[in-house]
C-alpha cells in the first residue's frame, strides 16, 4: 500500500511524496528529492526531528535523550525511525530551502466558471485537469494566482478538497477597485488561462482529537469549505465541529446550502452565522463573533480553534481567548489583508 505524505516547513512551503508500505519516512523523502537534515539515522541525534500533524504512524526506536515522553505525547517524531500507516502530514521547524528543494511549482489551469454568490463575493472555478497527476494540497492551504493580463498575484484559499479531476474553487472578495476584482467583473471569460503557485501556507487541518471550533471572517470561509469537505468525505471526525461565520451584512453570506449539507454529512456539526451590522430583517446572531461563543462549554472541554479572516477579526479573537483564560485551547490561524491594487 502506498500513502501520500505532506512535508510542511516553517517558510510556508509544502512538499508531497509517496511512501511505500512499511517504508521508513526519511528514506521515502530522500527518494523524492526532499533532503531532510540527518546525521546518525539511528534514532539518537534528533537531527531529522519533525512533528506529525495528521495521520497514523509508528516509530521503530527513539532514544529518550532524542525525544522525551512529553515530545512523544506532542506527536514529535524522528523521520529515520518513522513508518506511516496512513496518509499523513508532518511539520518541520526550518525552511524548505534547507532541504535543497525548489518548493511549489507554477501550475496552470483554465477558468471553467465564475459564479457570483453575493454582491461582494464570487466563486472562481478552475479546471486544472490537463495535469497528468492530482494537484496536491492540504485542506486550508492557498494558491497564489496571477491575475491574467497583469503582473499582479493574489493569494486565495482553496474552497474544496483535492480531487482526482483537479477541479478547483476559490472564493474571491469583490473589491471596488482591485486587480483580481476588476478582472472578474470586466474581462473574465470561460477558457481563460490561469497560472498559479501552490500549495502554500501553514494553515491546514491537523490531526483531530478534540472538538473543533472554526471561525471564518468573510472570504476566510474558503479555507473551511475545503476542511469541511475533507471531514465530510471521511464521514466525520469523531468530534463535534462548530463553524462560526462572520460578515458585515446578511447579503454577504454565501454558500449557505453547501454549509447546511454538512449537517447531514458530519455528525455533531453546528453552524452559527453572525452579521455585524444591525438588520431588522435578520433574525440570527448580530454583533461580533466572540459575543456568541459558548464560553461555559469552552471552559469545560479542551478544544482546537481554527481562525481565518481579516487581521482585526483575528486579533480580536486572539485577545478574547487570552482575556477568558482559555489555556485549554490550541489556536491555528491565518489572517489576510485586503489588497487595494
Protein backbone atom coordinates (compact mmCIF):
# COMPACT_ATOMS: atom_id res chain seq x y z
CA UNK A 1 0.00 0.00 0.00
CA UNK A 2 1.21 3.50 -0.83
CA UNK A 3 0.49 6.53 1.37
CA UNK A 4 0.63 10.22 0.45
CA UNK A 5 2.64 12.34 2.88
CA UNK A 6 2.91 16.12 3.09
CA UNK A 7 6.05 17.79 4.44
CA UNK A 8 5.29 21.28 5.75
CA UNK A 9 8.06 23.76 6.54
CA UNK A 10 8.43 26.95 8.57
CA UNK A 11 8.55 29.11 5.42
CA UNK A 12 5.02 28.01 4.50
CA UNK A 13 6.10 25.68 1.70
CA UNK A 14 4.64 22.18 1.39
CA UNK A 15 6.10 19.23 -0.49
CA UNK A 16 4.49 15.86 -1.09
CA UNK A 17 5.86 12.39 -1.61
CA UNK A 18 4.63 8.83 -1.83
CA UNK A 19 5.63 6.41 0.93
CA UNK A 20 5.59 2.71 0.21
CA UNK A 21 4.18 0.18 2.67
CA UNK A 22 6.44 -0.16 5.73
CA UNK A 23 9.00 2.23 4.20
CA UNK A 24 10.97 4.48 6.57
CA UNK A 25 9.75 8.06 6.16
CA UNK A 26 13.25 9.52 5.77
CA UNK A 27 14.07 7.06 3.00
CA UNK A 28 10.89 7.99 1.12
CA UNK A 29 11.68 11.72 1.47
CA UNK A 30 15.23 11.29 0.16
CA UNK A 31 13.99 9.16 -2.72
CA UNK A 32 11.64 12.02 -3.67
CA UNK A 33 14.48 14.56 -3.53
CA UNK A 34 13.41 16.07 -0.18
CA UNK A 35 16.71 16.15 1.70
CA UNK A 36 15.63 16.25 5.34
CA UNK A 37 18.68 17.14 7.51
CA UNK A 38 20.10 13.96 9.05
CA UNK A 39 23.06 12.63 10.97
CA UNK A 40 23.02 9.31 12.83
CA UNK A 41 19.95 7.62 11.27
CA UNK A 42 19.79 5.53 14.46
CA UNK A 43 17.11 7.40 16.43
CA UNK A 44 19.64 9.07 18.71
CA UNK A 45 20.69 12.52 17.44
CA UNK A 46 17.23 14.04 16.69
CA UNK A 47 18.58 15.95 13.67
CA UNK A 48 15.72 14.68 11.49
CA UNK A 49 13.05 15.62 14.03
CA UNK A 50 9.58 16.70 12.94
CA UNK A 51 6.01 16.59 14.23
CA UNK A 52 3.13 14.54 12.86
CA UNK A 53 0.15 16.85 12.45
CA UNK A 54 -2.24 14.33 10.94
CA UNK A 55 -2.24 10.63 10.20
CA UNK A 56 -1.15 7.38 11.82
CA UNK A 57 2.42 6.23 12.30
CA UNK A 58 4.77 4.04 14.33
CA UNK A 59 8.40 4.57 15.34
CA UNK A 60 10.98 1.79 15.46
CA UNK A 61 13.35 3.21 18.08
CA UNK A 62 13.66 6.62 19.73
CA UNK A 63 16.33 7.32 22.31
CA UNK A 64 14.90 9.07 25.38
CA UNK A 65 17.53 11.79 25.06
CA UNK A 66 16.40 12.48 21.50
CA UNK A 67 12.69 12.79 22.27
CA UNK A 68 11.24 12.98 25.78
CA UNK A 69 7.93 11.48 26.86
CA UNK A 70 6.46 14.97 26.52
CA UNK A 71 7.82 15.23 22.98
CA UNK A 72 6.27 11.91 22.05
CA UNK A 73 2.93 12.98 23.53
CA UNK A 74 3.08 16.02 21.22
CA UNK A 75 3.50 13.62 18.27
CA UNK A 76 7.10 14.58 17.62
CA UNK A 77 8.94 12.02 15.52
CA UNK A 78 12.33 11.11 14.12
CA UNK A 79 11.87 10.59 10.42
CA UNK A 80 14.65 7.99 10.34
CA UNK A 81 12.53 5.79 12.62
CA UNK A 82 9.01 6.61 11.41
CA UNK A 83 6.76 4.38 9.34
CA UNK A 84 3.40 5.84 8.32
CA UNK A 85 0.24 3.77 8.50
CA UNK A 86 -1.99 6.19 6.56
CA UNK A 87 -1.85 9.38 4.54
CA UNK A 88 -0.16 11.91 6.81
CA UNK A 89 1.25 15.42 7.25
CA UNK A 90 4.46 16.35 9.08
CA UNK A 91 5.76 19.76 10.15
CA UNK A 92 9.44 20.77 10.35
CA UNK A 93 10.58 23.89 12.19
CA UNK A 94 13.00 25.04 9.50
CA UNK A 95 12.74 26.45 5.97
CA UNK A 96 12.30 24.19 2.97
CA UNK A 97 15.50 25.63 1.49
CA UNK A 98 17.48 23.55 3.99
CA UNK A 99 16.17 20.51 2.14
CA UNK A 100 17.64 21.79 -1.16
CA UNK A 101 14.22 21.84 -2.78
CA UNK A 102 12.68 24.33 -5.16
CA UNK A 103 9.35 24.33 -3.36
CA UNK A 104 5.93 24.57 -5.03
CA UNK A 105 6.00 24.84 -8.81
CA UNK A 106 3.92 27.01 -11.07
CA UNK A 107 0.70 25.28 -12.10
CA UNK A 108 -1.68 26.01 -14.96
CA UNK A 109 -5.44 25.81 -15.38
CA UNK A 110 -8.33 27.40 -17.24
CA UNK A 111 -11.37 29.27 -15.97
CA UNK A 112 -14.33 26.88 -16.13
CA UNK A 113 -16.94 29.05 -14.38
CA UNK A 114 -17.42 32.21 -12.33
CA UNK A 115 -20.45 32.36 -10.06
CA UNK A 116 -21.32 35.48 -8.10
CA UNK A 117 -22.71 34.18 -4.82
CA UNK A 118 -23.26 37.54 -3.11
CA UNK A 119 -22.88 41.23 -4.03
CA UNK A 120 -19.33 41.08 -2.62
CA UNK A 121 -18.21 37.52 -3.40
CA UNK A 122 -17.67 35.30 -6.42
CA UNK A 123 -16.53 31.70 -6.74
CA UNK A 124 -13.86 31.16 -9.35
CA UNK A 125 -13.85 27.62 -10.76
CA UNK A 126 -10.59 26.44 -12.30
CA UNK A 127 -10.10 23.33 -14.42
CA UNK A 128 -6.56 22.00 -13.99
CA UNK A 129 -7.34 18.56 -15.41
CA UNK A 130 -4.62 18.95 -18.03
CA UNK A 131 -2.20 17.89 -15.29
CA UNK A 132 -1.50 14.19 -15.52
CA UNK A 133 -1.46 13.81 -11.74
CA UNK A 134 -3.64 15.17 -8.94
CA UNK A 135 -2.58 18.56 -7.62
CA UNK A 136 -1.63 18.03 -4.01
CA UNK A 137 -2.57 20.45 -1.24
CA UNK A 138 -3.88 20.21 2.30
CA UNK A 139 -7.41 21.47 3.10
CA UNK A 140 -6.96 25.06 4.28
CA UNK A 141 -3.90 25.89 2.17
CA UNK A 142 -3.87 28.52 -0.57
CA UNK A 143 -2.67 29.26 -4.08
CA UNK A 144 -1.05 32.45 -5.38
CA UNK A 145 -2.83 33.25 -8.65
CA UNK A 146 -1.50 35.61 -11.31
CA UNK A 147 -4.22 37.97 -12.50
CA UNK A 148 -4.49 37.41 -16.28
CA UNK A 149 -3.11 40.27 -18.34
CA UNK A 150 -1.18 41.77 -15.41
CA UNK A 151 1.88 41.18 -13.25
CA UNK A 152 -0.25 41.15 -10.09
CA UNK A 153 -0.52 37.99 -7.99
CA UNK A 154 -3.19 37.37 -5.37
CA UNK A 155 -3.50 34.64 -2.74
CA UNK A 156 -6.73 32.67 -2.28
CA UNK A 157 -7.51 29.62 -0.15
CA UNK A 158 -8.76 26.52 -1.90
CA UNK A 159 -12.51 26.22 -1.31
CA UNK A 160 -12.51 22.48 -1.91
CA UNK A 161 -10.53 19.39 -1.08
CA UNK A 162 -8.09 17.86 -3.59
CA UNK A 163 -9.77 15.77 -6.29
CA UNK A 164 -8.56 13.34 -8.92
CA UNK A 165 -10.09 15.55 -11.62
CA UNK A 166 -8.18 18.67 -10.44
CA UNK A 167 -11.30 20.83 -10.32
CA UNK A 168 -10.53 23.80 -8.07
CA UNK A 169 -12.60 26.50 -6.40
CA UNK A 170 -11.65 29.85 -4.85
CA UNK A 171 -13.81 32.41 -3.02
CA UNK A 172 -12.97 35.87 -4.38
CA UNK A 173 -13.76 39.05 -2.47
CA UNK A 174 -15.02 41.64 -4.98
CA UNK A 175 -13.39 44.95 -4.06
CA UNK A 176 -14.45 48.31 -5.54
CA UNK A 177 -11.16 48.56 -7.41
CA UNK A 178 -8.81 45.59 -7.18
CA UNK A 179 -6.70 43.78 -9.77
CA UNK A 180 -8.48 40.44 -9.41
CA UNK A 181 -11.88 42.03 -8.75
CA UNK A 182 -11.70 44.11 -11.91
CA UNK A 183 -10.63 41.07 -13.91
CA UNK A 184 -13.57 39.03 -12.59
CA UNK A 185 -16.07 41.81 -13.31
CA UNK A 186 -14.76 43.13 -16.61
CA UNK A 187 -12.63 40.64 -18.55
CA UNK A 188 -13.00 37.13 -17.20
CA UNK A 189 -14.09 34.61 -19.83
CA UNK A 190 -14.61 30.85 -19.70
CA UNK A 191 -11.45 29.26 -21.07
CA UNK A 192 -9.07 31.98 -19.85
CA UNK A 193 -5.64 30.56 -18.98
CA UNK A 194 -4.53 30.92 -15.36
CA UNK A 195 -1.12 30.47 -13.78
CA UNK A 196 -0.78 29.85 -10.07
CA UNK A 197 1.71 28.66 -7.47
CA UNK A 198 0.58 26.03 -4.98
CA UNK A 199 0.40 24.67 -2.37
CA UNK A 200 1.30 27.41 0.09
CA UNK A 201 0.56 28.18 3.72
CA UNK A 202 0.78 26.67 7.18
CA UNK A 203 -2.97 26.88 7.83
CA UNK A 204 -4.37 23.41 7.30
CA UNK A 205 -6.37 20.77 9.12
CA UNK A 206 -4.35 18.89 11.74
CA UNK A 207 -4.93 15.53 13.41
CA UNK A 208 -8.34 15.79 15.09
CA UNK A 209 -8.56 14.57 18.69
CA UNK A 210 -10.60 17.38 20.29
CA UNK A 211 -13.74 19.38 19.46
CA UNK A 212 -13.23 21.82 16.60
CA UNK A 213 -14.24 25.49 16.65
CA UNK A 214 -13.92 27.07 13.20
CA UNK A 215 -14.16 30.86 12.90
CA UNK A 216 -14.42 32.38 9.42
CA UNK A 217 -14.44 36.07 8.61
CA UNK A 218 -15.70 36.99 5.12
CA UNK A 219 -13.97 35.01 2.39
CA UNK A 220 -11.89 33.31 5.09
CA UNK A 221 -14.77 30.85 4.77
CA UNK A 222 -12.98 29.43 1.72
CA UNK A 223 -10.37 27.55 3.77
CA UNK A 224 -13.06 25.99 5.94
CA UNK A 225 -15.08 24.75 2.97
CA UNK A 226 -12.05 22.71 1.97
CA UNK A 227 -11.60 21.40 5.51
CA UNK A 228 -15.28 20.53 5.90
CA UNK A 229 -15.35 18.81 2.52
CA UNK A 230 -12.49 16.65 3.73
CA UNK A 231 -14.18 15.82 7.06
CA UNK A 232 -17.49 15.08 5.31
CA UNK A 233 -15.77 12.80 2.80
CA UNK A 234 -14.47 10.77 5.75
CA UNK A 235 -17.93 10.59 7.31
CA UNK A 236 -16.98 12.81 10.24
CA UNK A 237 -14.06 13.12 12.60
CA UNK A 238 -15.36 11.66 15.86
CA UNK A 239 -15.56 15.14 17.41
CA UNK A 240 -18.16 17.94 17.35
CA UNK A 241 -17.48 20.70 14.81
CA UNK A 242 -18.86 24.24 15.21
CA UNK A 243 -18.46 26.75 12.37
CA UNK A 244 -18.89 30.46 13.11
CA UNK A 245 -19.17 32.65 10.03
CA UNK A 246 -18.94 36.41 10.49
CA UNK A 247 -19.75 39.02 7.81
CA UNK A 248 -20.89 42.64 7.78
CA UNK A 249 -24.33 42.25 6.21
CA UNK A 250 -26.81 39.48 5.54
CA UNK A 251 -26.23 39.75 1.77
CA UNK A 252 -22.54 38.94 2.32
CA UNK A 253 -23.37 35.41 3.49
CA UNK A 254 -22.67 32.80 0.82
CA UNK A 255 -22.56 29.03 0.28
CA UNK A 256 -25.30 28.55 2.89
CA UNK A 257 -26.80 25.50 1.14
CA UNK A 258 -23.40 23.87 1.00
CA UNK A 259 -22.81 24.59 4.67
CA UNK A 260 -26.26 23.21 5.54
CA UNK A 261 -25.36 19.95 3.77
CA UNK A 262 -22.55 19.37 6.28
CA UNK A 263 -25.16 18.86 8.99
CA UNK A 264 -26.22 15.68 7.18
CA UNK A 265 -22.72 14.52 6.38
CA UNK A 266 -20.78 15.41 9.56
CA UNK A 267 -22.15 14.08 12.88
CA UNK A 268 -22.13 16.81 15.54
CA UNK A 269 -21.81 19.69 13.07
CA UNK A 270 -23.21 23.09 14.12
CA UNK A 271 -23.31 26.40 12.25
CA UNK A 272 -23.65 29.96 13.58
CA UNK A 273 -23.69 32.85 11.09
CA UNK A 274 -23.14 36.30 12.61
CA UNK A 275 -23.59 39.73 10.97
CA UNK A 276 -22.00 42.83 12.47
CA UNK A 277 -24.36 45.47 11.03
CA UNK A 278 -27.84 45.88 12.51
CA UNK A 279 -30.52 44.46 10.20
CA UNK A 280 -34.15 44.32 11.29
CA UNK A 281 -34.86 41.64 8.69
CA UNK A 282 -32.18 39.39 10.15
CA UNK A 283 -33.36 37.10 12.94
CA UNK A 284 -29.99 35.47 13.56
CA UNK A 285 -26.96 36.47 15.63
CA UNK A 286 -25.66 40.05 15.44
CA UNK A 287 -22.52 41.80 16.63
CA UNK A 288 -19.07 40.28 16.95
CA UNK A 289 -18.41 36.57 16.64
CA UNK A 290 -16.80 36.42 20.10
CA UNK A 291 -20.09 37.52 21.67
CA UNK A 292 -21.66 34.23 20.59
CA UNK A 293 -19.04 31.70 21.66
CA UNK A 294 -20.27 29.09 24.13
CA UNK A 295 -17.94 30.20 26.92
CA UNK A 296 -19.11 27.70 29.53
CA UNK A 297 -18.64 24.76 27.20
CA UNK A 298 -15.26 26.01 26.01
CA UNK A 299 -14.06 26.28 29.60
CA UNK A 300 -15.08 22.71 30.36
CA UNK A 301 -13.71 20.95 27.31
CA UNK A 302 -10.27 21.27 25.67
CA UNK A 303 -10.71 22.29 22.03
CA UNK A 304 -8.87 23.25 18.84
CA UNK A 305 -9.77 26.55 17.22
CA UNK A 306 -9.12 27.36 13.57
CA UNK A 307 -9.41 31.03 12.68
CA UNK A 308 -9.23 32.64 9.21
CA UNK A 309 -10.21 36.18 8.30
CA UNK A 310 -9.14 39.85 8.20
CA UNK A 311 -6.39 40.86 10.67
CA UNK A 312 -8.70 42.89 13.01
CA UNK A 313 -11.01 39.89 13.44
CA UNK A 314 -8.11 37.51 14.04
CA UNK A 315 -6.56 39.80 16.64
CA UNK A 316 -9.93 40.30 18.31
CA UNK A 317 -10.48 36.56 18.73
CA UNK A 318 -6.92 36.03 19.96
CA UNK A 319 -7.41 38.78 22.56
CA UNK A 320 -10.73 37.28 23.61
CA UNK A 321 -9.18 33.85 24.18
CA UNK A 322 -6.45 35.44 26.32
CA UNK A 323 -8.93 37.51 28.33
CA UNK A 324 -11.05 34.44 29.00
CA UNK A 325 -8.00 32.46 30.13
CA UNK A 326 -8.86 29.58 27.82
CA UNK A 327 -5.49 27.89 28.10
CA UNK A 328 -7.02 24.55 27.16
CA UNK A 329 -7.36 25.72 23.56
CA UNK A 330 -4.96 25.23 20.69
CA UNK A 331 -5.22 28.03 18.15
CA UNK A 332 -4.35 27.81 14.46
CA UNK A 333 -4.94 30.97 12.45
CA UNK A 334 -4.38 32.75 9.18
CA UNK A 335 -5.03 36.43 8.62
CA UNK A 336 -5.27 38.05 5.23
CA UNK A 337 -5.00 41.72 4.33
CA UNK A 338 -7.21 43.28 1.68
CA UNK A 339 -5.22 44.45 -1.33
CA UNK A 340 -6.06 47.86 -2.72
CA UNK A 341 -4.46 47.32 -6.14
